[in-house]
Amino acid sequence: MQAFNFSTTAHLICASGAAAQLAEHCAARGARNVLLVTDAGILRHNLLDSVLPGFDAADINLQVYSDVLADPAEELVLAATAQARAMGADLIVGFGGGSSMDTAKLVAYLAAPGQRQGLADIYGVNQANGARLPLIQVPTTAGTGSEVTPISIVTTATGKSGVVSSQLLPDLAILDAQLTVGLPGPVTAATGIDAMVHAIEAYTSKVRKNPISDLLAREALRLLSTHLETAVRDPQNLEARQAMLLGACLAGQAFANAPVAAVHALAYPLGITFHLPHGLSNALVLHQVLAFNLSHARDLYAELAPCVLGERLLPGDGAAQFIAELQRLHAAVDLPLRLRDAGVTQESLPELARSAMQQQRLLVNNPREVAEADALAIYRAAY
C-alpha cells in the first residue's frame, strides 16, 4: 500500500438544530470576544436568530462581520481581519457558505496575537505555519466542504489564489440542516453538484488518492446523488438537507486529502470572467471533463457507478452509465445545461482556456494531462 497522510477537522457535530448551542461551544474554548464572519444574506434571512441569544446568556462579546461576498477579494479578508484585531477577538466563527468559511479561516490565522505574516506571505502550500485563533465553522450550504478543508481561495488582481495549510483546519464544524431549509432551489442544486464534483475528483485524483479518501468519496457521492433532487424539490425536507450537509462534508474531507483537478481548473475562469456561482461553473463543464478523462479513468468511473445508480445499475459499461446519470441529475435540478445558457460568450472560450492553464496546482491531479488545446475543446463541447 502506498504511504499517505490524512488530516481533517478535529471535531464534527452533525445534528439538526445544533447551531443553537454555538455560544456554548465558544465558551467551552474559553472565548470571551468572538467575531462571526458571514454575509448579508444570512442576516437578511434571519439565520442567526437561533444563535445570538446564546451569546448574551454566556456573557460573550459577539461582533458580526457581514460584508463577505462571493469569491472574496483580498481587501475583504483584510477588513475582516482588522475588525478581529480591533475587538481583541479570541475565537473566530465562519457562518455561511464557502466564501464566509474561507474568509474566517484566514482571519483566524492573520488576527492571531503576534502574527507577523500578512496575506501575501501565505499564498501557496504550507506557507502559513504560525499559530491561529480557535476556529469554528457552521456551513449554511451543502457544497464547498470548507468546514473540513485546509484551503482558502481568495480573488486577487490577477485571478484566484489559494492558501493551503493544515493551520487552516477548523477546530469544530457544526452541520445543522435547519440552516439550509431556506436555500433557493438553484443554490441547493449548484452547491450539491459542486460537492459531487469534489467526491468524483478526489476519487480519481492522480495525486494523494488513498483508501480513506476513497471511502469518504463513495459515501459522499451516494448521499448527495440520493438526496439532491429531494432537497431541491422539497426544501423543507430536513432528512434530505441533513444528508446533503453530511455528503458535502465527507466530500470535503476526501478532496482535502486527494485534491481536485480539471473540472475545478476549468470552472475557476468561468467564475472570474462571468461571475458565475462556483457550483454552477463546475456543473457546466463536468460532463465534458468526464468524457475527456474517460480513456484514463474508465475503471474508476465504473467503481463509482453503484454510488449514484444503486440497483438501477445495469450490466455492461458502468462508466458510461455513471456519466449519463450525472447528466440526468444536472438536467433534473433545472440548472443551465450549456455555457451559452449561463451567459458565456463563444468568443471568450480561447481566453478561458488560457486562464485555465494557470491552474496547474489543480491540473496536475487530473487523471489525464490537459493541454491548452484540450481545455479549449472542452469549453467548446460545453458551449
Protein backbone atom coordinates (compact mmCIF):
# COMPACT_ATOMS: atom_id res chain seq x y z
CA MET A 1 0.00 0.00 0.00
CA GLN A 2 1.26 3.46 -0.88
CA ALA A 3 2.02 5.63 2.18
CA PHE A 4 -0.32 8.57 2.75
CA ASN A 5 -1.27 11.30 5.22
CA PHE A 6 -4.84 12.19 6.17
CA SER A 7 -5.96 15.27 8.10
CA THR A 8 -9.35 16.75 8.87
CA THR A 9 -11.29 18.92 11.32
CA ALA A 10 -10.83 17.69 14.86
CA HIS A 11 -14.47 17.72 15.99
CA LEU A 12 -17.67 17.35 13.98
CA ILE A 13 -21.29 17.72 15.13
CA CYS A 14 -24.00 16.56 12.72
CA ALA A 15 -27.46 17.28 14.12
CA SER A 16 -30.47 19.34 13.14
CA GLY A 17 -30.71 22.33 15.49
CA ALA A 18 -27.13 22.03 16.72
CA ALA A 19 -26.20 25.61 15.79
CA ALA A 20 -28.30 26.90 18.68
CA GLN A 21 -25.51 25.70 21.00
CA LEU A 22 -22.80 27.65 19.16
CA ALA A 23 -22.18 30.03 22.08
CA GLU A 24 -21.72 27.08 24.43
CA HIS A 25 -19.03 25.67 22.17
CA CYS A 26 -17.29 29.06 22.08
CA ALA A 27 -17.44 29.33 25.88
CA ALA A 28 -16.05 25.80 26.26
CA ARG A 29 -12.98 27.02 24.39
CA GLY A 30 -12.54 29.94 26.76
CA ALA A 31 -13.75 32.60 24.33
CA ARG A 32 -14.84 36.00 25.61
CA ASN A 33 -14.67 38.02 22.37
CA VAL A 34 -15.95 36.31 19.22
CA LEU A 35 -16.04 37.58 15.65
CA LEU A 36 -18.62 35.84 13.46
CA VAL A 37 -17.80 36.11 9.75
CA THR A 38 -20.76 35.89 7.39
CA ASP A 39 -22.60 37.59 4.52
CA ALA A 40 -25.54 39.96 4.35
CA GLY A 41 -27.88 37.24 3.11
CA ILE A 42 -27.51 35.34 6.38
CA LEU A 43 -28.75 38.40 8.28
CA ARG A 44 -31.49 39.08 5.74
CA HIS A 45 -32.86 35.57 6.15
CA ASN A 46 -32.59 35.68 9.97
CA LEU A 47 -30.38 32.61 10.16
CA LEU A 48 -28.64 33.95 13.25
CA ASP A 49 -31.86 34.26 15.24
CA SER A 50 -31.42 30.92 16.99
CA VAL A 51 -27.74 31.60 17.62
CA LEU A 52 -27.49 35.12 19.04
CA PRO A 53 -29.35 34.64 22.36
CA GLY A 54 -26.81 32.09 23.48
CA PHE A 55 -24.01 34.64 23.36
CA ASP A 56 -25.91 37.02 25.63
CA ALA A 57 -26.63 34.19 28.04
CA ALA A 58 -22.95 33.19 28.08
CA ASP A 59 -21.84 36.83 28.51
CA ILE A 60 -19.67 36.60 25.38
CA ASN A 61 -18.96 39.73 23.38
CA LEU A 62 -20.03 38.87 19.84
CA GLN A 63 -19.42 41.05 16.81
CA VAL A 64 -20.61 40.19 13.29
CA TYR A 65 -18.68 40.91 10.12
CA SER A 66 -21.33 40.55 7.39
CA ASP A 67 -19.66 42.03 4.31
CA VAL A 68 -18.45 38.76 2.79
CA LEU A 69 -19.15 38.46 -0.94
CA ALA A 70 -18.85 35.51 -3.30
CA ASP A 71 -15.25 34.89 -4.38
CA PRO A 72 -13.89 37.07 -1.54
CA ALA A 73 -11.26 39.61 -2.51
CA GLU A 74 -8.09 40.37 -0.58
CA GLU A 75 -9.49 43.69 0.63
CA LEU A 76 -12.46 41.91 2.20
CA VAL A 77 -10.24 39.45 4.08
CA LEU A 78 -8.07 42.28 5.38
CA ALA A 79 -11.12 44.30 6.51
CA ALA A 80 -12.47 41.35 8.49
CA THR A 81 -9.02 40.77 9.98
CA ALA A 82 -8.83 44.42 11.05
CA GLN A 83 -12.17 44.11 12.85
CA ALA A 84 -11.00 40.96 14.63
CA ARG A 85 -7.84 42.68 15.81
CA ALA A 86 -9.68 45.84 16.89
CA MET A 87 -12.09 43.91 19.10
CA GLY A 88 -9.41 41.60 20.51
CA ALA A 89 -11.14 38.52 19.14
CA ASP A 90 -10.08 35.28 20.79
CA LEU A 91 -12.19 32.98 18.59
CA ILE A 92 -13.49 33.21 15.02
CA VAL A 93 -16.70 31.68 13.68
CA GLY A 94 -17.31 31.17 9.95
CA PHE A 95 -21.08 31.09 9.36
CA GLY A 96 -22.38 30.71 5.82
CA GLY A 97 -21.23 29.33 2.50
CA GLY A 98 -17.73 28.62 1.31
CA SER A 99 -16.77 32.27 0.92
CA SER A 100 -17.62 33.08 4.55
CA MET A 101 -15.83 29.99 5.84
CA ASP A 102 -12.76 30.58 3.66
CA THR A 103 -12.60 34.16 4.92
CA ALA A 104 -12.98 33.05 8.54
CA LYS A 105 -10.03 30.66 8.21
CA LEU A 106 -7.76 33.43 7.02
CA VAL A 107 -8.98 35.86 9.69
CA ALA A 108 -8.31 33.27 12.40
CA TYR A 109 -4.75 32.97 11.15
CA LEU A 110 -3.96 36.60 10.33
CA ALA A 111 -5.53 38.03 13.53
CA ALA A 112 -3.69 35.69 15.89
CA PRO A 113 -1.67 37.59 18.53
CA GLY A 114 1.90 38.19 17.41
CA GLN A 115 1.19 37.12 13.84
CA ARG A 116 3.92 38.51 11.60
CA GLN A 117 2.78 37.07 8.29
CA GLY A 118 0.45 39.01 6.02
CA LEU A 119 -1.96 37.62 3.47
CA ALA A 120 0.52 37.99 0.61
CA ASP A 121 3.02 35.87 2.55
CA ILE A 122 0.87 32.76 2.82
CA TYR A 123 -0.36 32.07 -0.71
CA GLY A 124 0.64 28.60 -1.84
CA VAL A 125 1.12 25.35 0.04
CA ASN A 126 2.29 25.28 3.67
CA GLN A 127 3.34 28.92 3.74
CA ALA A 128 1.05 29.60 6.72
CA ASN A 129 2.89 27.88 9.53
CA GLY A 130 2.29 30.02 12.62
CA ALA A 131 -0.39 29.95 15.30
CA ARG A 132 -4.03 30.88 14.72
CA LEU A 133 -7.07 31.73 16.83
CA PRO A 134 -9.58 28.98 17.65
CA LEU A 135 -11.95 28.46 14.72
CA ILE A 136 -15.50 27.08 14.44
CA GLN A 137 -17.27 26.64 11.10
CA VAL A 138 -21.02 26.46 10.55
CA PRO A 139 -21.95 25.80 6.89
CA THR A 140 -25.31 27.03 5.59
CA THR A 141 -24.94 25.41 2.18
CA ALA A 142 -24.19 21.79 1.31
CA GLY A 143 -21.42 22.26 -1.19
CA THR A 144 -17.92 23.51 -0.54
CA GLY A 145 -16.94 21.33 2.40
CA SER A 146 -14.81 24.27 3.57
CA GLU A 147 -15.63 23.33 7.17
CA VAL A 148 -13.24 20.37 6.88
CA THR A 149 -10.59 21.57 4.42
CA PRO A 150 -7.25 23.33 4.97
CA ILE A 151 -7.85 25.56 1.93
CA SER A 152 -8.98 29.14 1.41
CA ILE A 153 -9.47 30.69 -2.03
CA VAL A 154 -9.01 34.43 -2.47
CA THR A 155 -9.66 36.60 -5.51
CA THR A 156 -6.63 38.72 -6.33
CA ALA A 157 -5.92 41.30 -9.02
CA THR A 158 -4.67 38.53 -11.31
CA GLY A 159 -7.19 35.78 -10.60
CA LYS A 160 -7.76 33.28 -7.79
CA SER A 161 -5.05 32.27 -5.33
CA GLY A 162 -5.15 29.59 -2.69
CA VAL A 163 -3.81 29.32 0.82
CA VAL A 164 -3.28 25.66 1.71
CA SER A 165 -2.09 24.81 5.20
CA SER A 166 -3.05 22.44 8.00
CA GLN A 167 -3.24 25.55 10.20
CA LEU A 168 -6.50 26.43 8.43
CA LEU A 169 -8.27 23.25 9.53
CA PRO A 170 -11.03 24.31 11.96
CA ASP A 171 -11.36 23.02 15.50
CA LEU A 172 -15.09 22.30 15.17
CA ALA A 173 -17.64 22.03 12.39
CA ILE A 174 -21.40 22.10 13.08
CA LEU A 175 -23.70 20.61 10.44
CA ASP A 176 -27.25 21.81 11.10
CA ALA A 177 -29.86 21.14 8.42
CA GLN A 178 -32.21 23.78 9.82
CA LEU A 179 -29.84 26.45 8.50
CA THR A 180 -30.23 25.23 4.92
CA VAL A 181 -34.01 24.87 4.55
CA GLY A 182 -34.42 28.35 3.09
CA LEU A 183 -31.90 27.90 0.30
CA PRO A 184 -33.37 28.52 -3.16
CA GLY A 185 -33.53 25.53 -5.47
CA PRO A 186 -30.80 26.74 -7.85
CA VAL A 187 -28.39 27.30 -4.96
CA THR A 188 -29.17 23.88 -3.49
CA ALA A 189 -28.66 22.31 -6.92
CA ALA A 190 -25.41 24.09 -7.77
CA THR A 191 -23.78 23.57 -4.38
CA GLY A 192 -24.87 19.94 -4.37
CA ILE A 193 -23.27 19.28 -7.73
CA ASP A 194 -20.16 21.12 -6.52
CA ALA A 195 -19.92 18.63 -3.65
CA MET A 196 -20.40 15.71 -6.04
CA VAL A 197 -17.54 17.03 -8.16
CA HIS A 198 -15.36 17.12 -5.04
CA ALA A 199 -16.09 13.45 -4.44
CA ILE A 200 -15.54 12.43 -8.06
CA GLU A 201 -12.28 14.34 -8.46
CA ALA A 202 -10.95 13.09 -5.12
CA TYR A 203 -11.67 9.50 -6.16
CA THR A 204 -9.91 9.91 -9.50
CA SER A 205 -7.10 12.22 -8.33
CA LYS A 206 -3.69 11.28 -9.67
CA VAL A 207 -2.05 12.79 -6.57
CA ARG A 208 -2.56 11.56 -2.99
CA LYS A 209 -5.58 9.32 -3.71
CA ASN A 210 -5.79 6.99 -0.70
CA PRO A 211 -8.10 4.39 0.88
CA ILE A 212 -9.68 6.82 3.38
CA SER A 213 -10.42 9.50 0.80
CA ASP A 214 -11.86 6.78 -1.46
CA LEU A 215 -14.27 5.57 1.24
CA LEU A 216 -15.37 9.11 2.00
CA ALA A 217 -15.81 9.98 -1.66
CA ARG A 218 -18.00 6.95 -2.36
CA GLU A 219 -20.28 7.56 0.63
CA ALA A 220 -20.44 11.28 -0.15
CA LEU A 221 -21.49 10.56 -3.70
CA ARG A 222 -24.15 8.10 -2.52
CA LEU A 223 -25.64 10.59 -0.06
CA LEU A 224 -25.55 13.52 -2.45
CA SER A 225 -26.92 11.77 -5.51
CA THR A 226 -29.67 10.08 -3.49
CA HIS A 227 -30.94 13.27 -1.83
CA LEU A 228 -30.18 16.08 -4.30
CA GLU A 229 -33.48 16.04 -6.17
CA THR A 230 -35.50 15.84 -2.95
CA ALA A 231 -33.60 18.74 -1.40
CA VAL A 232 -34.25 20.85 -4.49
CA ARG A 233 -37.94 19.94 -4.89
CA ASP A 234 -38.83 19.77 -1.18
CA PRO A 235 -36.62 22.37 0.51
CA GLN A 236 -38.22 21.82 3.94
CA ASN A 237 -37.20 18.14 3.99
CA LEU A 238 -34.79 18.04 6.93
CA GLU A 239 -33.73 14.45 6.30
CA ALA A 240 -32.61 15.28 2.77
CA ARG A 241 -30.99 18.53 3.92
CA GLN A 242 -29.01 16.79 6.68
CA ALA A 243 -27.89 14.08 4.26
CA MET A 244 -26.71 16.74 1.81
CA LEU A 245 -24.74 18.54 4.53
CA LEU A 246 -23.08 15.30 5.59
CA GLY A 247 -22.37 14.33 1.99
CA ALA A 248 -20.75 17.69 1.29
CA CYS A 249 -18.69 17.36 4.46
CA LEU A 250 -17.46 13.88 3.56
CA ALA A 251 -16.61 15.06 0.05
CA GLY A 252 -14.70 17.95 1.60
CA GLN A 253 -12.72 15.54 3.77
CA ALA A 254 -11.95 13.48 0.68
CA PHE A 255 -10.71 16.28 -1.58
CA ALA A 256 -8.82 17.98 1.25
CA ASN A 257 -6.58 14.91 1.16
CA ALA A 258 -6.86 13.84 -2.50
CA PRO A 259 -7.04 17.11 -4.44
CA VAL A 260 -9.49 18.15 -7.14
CA ALA A 261 -8.49 18.52 -10.76
CA ALA A 262 -9.60 19.65 -14.23
CA VAL A 263 -13.27 20.35 -13.51
CA HIS A 264 -12.27 22.93 -10.93
CA ALA A 265 -9.43 24.24 -13.09
CA LEU A 266 -11.85 24.98 -15.92
CA ALA A 267 -14.57 26.26 -13.57
CA TYR A 268 -12.46 28.98 -11.97
CA PRO A 269 -12.10 31.13 -15.12
CA LEU A 270 -15.88 30.99 -15.61
CA GLY A 271 -16.42 32.36 -12.13
CA ILE A 272 -13.82 35.09 -12.52
CA THR A 273 -14.83 36.24 -16.02
CA PHE A 274 -18.60 35.81 -15.92
CA HIS A 275 -19.22 35.86 -12.15
CA LEU A 276 -20.97 32.52 -12.23
CA PRO A 277 -21.50 30.72 -8.91
CA HIS A 278 -18.73 28.22 -8.34
CA GLY A 279 -21.05 25.21 -8.19
CA LEU A 280 -22.73 26.16 -11.47
CA SER A 281 -19.33 26.65 -13.12
CA ASN A 282 -18.40 23.12 -12.10
CA ALA A 283 -21.69 21.70 -13.36
CA LEU A 284 -21.31 23.36 -16.76
CA VAL A 285 -18.00 21.64 -17.56
CA LEU A 286 -18.35 18.44 -15.52
CA HIS A 287 -19.71 16.14 -18.21
CA GLN A 288 -17.23 17.22 -20.87
CA VAL A 289 -14.30 16.74 -18.49
CA LEU A 290 -15.59 13.29 -17.56
CA ALA A 291 -15.78 12.40 -21.25
CA PHE A 292 -12.25 13.74 -21.79
CA ASN A 293 -10.92 11.69 -18.86
CA LEU A 294 -12.75 8.51 -19.80
CA SER A 295 -9.77 6.91 -21.55
CA HIS A 296 -7.72 7.22 -18.35
CA ALA A 297 -10.39 6.84 -15.63
CA ARG A 298 -12.92 4.38 -17.05
CA ASP A 299 -12.39 1.79 -14.31
CA LEU A 300 -12.66 4.40 -11.56
CA TYR A 301 -15.87 5.82 -13.01
CA ALA A 302 -17.27 2.29 -13.20
CA GLU A 303 -16.43 1.83 -9.50
CA LEU A 304 -18.41 4.99 -8.69
CA ALA A 305 -21.43 3.98 -10.78
CA PRO A 306 -23.13 1.96 -7.99
CA CYS A 307 -22.92 5.01 -5.69
CA VAL A 308 -25.22 7.04 -7.94
CA LEU A 309 -27.29 4.31 -9.58
CA GLY A 310 -27.71 1.70 -6.86
CA GLU A 311 -29.97 -1.11 -8.03
CA ARG A 312 -30.59 0.75 -11.31
CA LEU A 313 -27.05 -0.09 -12.49
CA LEU A 314 -27.27 -2.45 -15.45
CA PRO A 315 -24.73 -5.00 -16.68
CA GLY A 316 -22.30 -3.52 -19.15
CA ASP A 317 -20.44 -0.24 -19.30
CA GLY A 318 -20.65 1.17 -15.77
CA ALA A 319 -18.60 4.25 -16.64
CA ALA A 320 -20.98 5.28 -19.40
CA GLN A 321 -23.97 4.77 -17.11
CA PHE A 322 -22.23 6.84 -14.43
CA ILE A 323 -21.72 9.80 -16.77
CA ALA A 324 -25.27 9.51 -18.12
CA GLU A 325 -26.77 9.53 -14.63
CA LEU A 326 -24.83 12.67 -13.70
CA GLN A 327 -26.15 14.32 -16.86
CA ARG A 328 -29.68 13.28 -15.90
CA LEU A 329 -29.28 14.74 -12.41
CA HIS A 330 -27.96 18.01 -13.83
CA ALA A 331 -31.00 18.34 -16.07
CA ALA A 332 -33.41 17.23 -13.32
CA VAL A 333 -32.47 20.09 -10.97
CA ASP A 334 -33.12 22.80 -13.57
CA LEU A 335 -29.65 24.33 -13.79
CA PRO A 336 -28.43 25.79 -17.10
CA LEU A 337 -27.05 22.93 -19.17
CA ARG A 338 -24.72 24.75 -21.58
CA LEU A 339 -22.22 27.56 -21.21
CA ARG A 340 -24.27 29.71 -23.58
CA ASP A 341 -27.32 29.21 -21.35
CA ALA A 342 -25.37 30.83 -18.49
CA GLY A 343 -24.28 33.88 -20.48
CA VAL A 344 -20.82 32.71 -21.51
CA THR A 345 -19.83 34.10 -24.92
CA GLN A 346 -18.31 31.97 -27.64
CA GLU A 347 -15.53 34.48 -28.36
CA SER A 348 -14.36 34.20 -24.74
CA LEU A 349 -13.53 30.49 -24.97
CA PRO A 350 -9.87 30.84 -26.09
CA GLU A 351 -9.14 33.26 -23.24
CA LEU A 352 -10.91 30.97 -20.77
CA ALA A 353 -8.69 28.10 -21.95
CA ARG A 354 -5.57 30.20 -21.44
CA SER A 355 -6.74 31.14 -17.96
CA ALA A 356 -7.48 27.53 -17.07
CA MET A 357 -3.89 26.60 -17.82
CA GLN A 358 -2.80 28.86 -14.95
CA GLN A 359 -4.41 26.37 -12.55
CA GLN A 360 -1.53 23.92 -12.67
CA ARG A 361 -1.86 23.11 -8.95
CA LEU A 362 -5.18 21.50 -9.93
CA LEU A 363 -4.39 20.20 -13.39
CA VAL A 364 -1.51 18.05 -12.13
CA ASN A 365 -4.10 16.00 -10.21
CA ASN A 366 -6.16 15.15 -13.29
CA PRO A 367 -6.02 11.51 -14.44
CA ARG A 368 -5.30 12.70 -18.00
CA GLU A 369 -2.92 15.51 -18.91
CA VAL A 370 -4.70 18.67 -20.07
CA ALA A 371 -3.10 20.96 -22.66
CA GLU A 372 -4.49 24.35 -23.64
CA ALA A 373 -5.94 22.87 -26.83
CA ASP A 374 -7.72 20.25 -24.72
CA ALA A 375 -9.16 22.92 -22.41
CA LEU A 376 -10.44 24.85 -25.42
CA ALA A 377 -12.01 21.70 -26.88
CA ILE A 378 -13.75 21.00 -23.56
CA TYR A 379 -15.14 24.54 -23.40
CA ARG A 380 -16.34 24.27 -26.99
CA ALA A 381 -18.02 20.96 -26.27
CA ALA A 382 -19.70 22.53 -23.22
CA TYR A 383 -20.80 25.60 -25.15
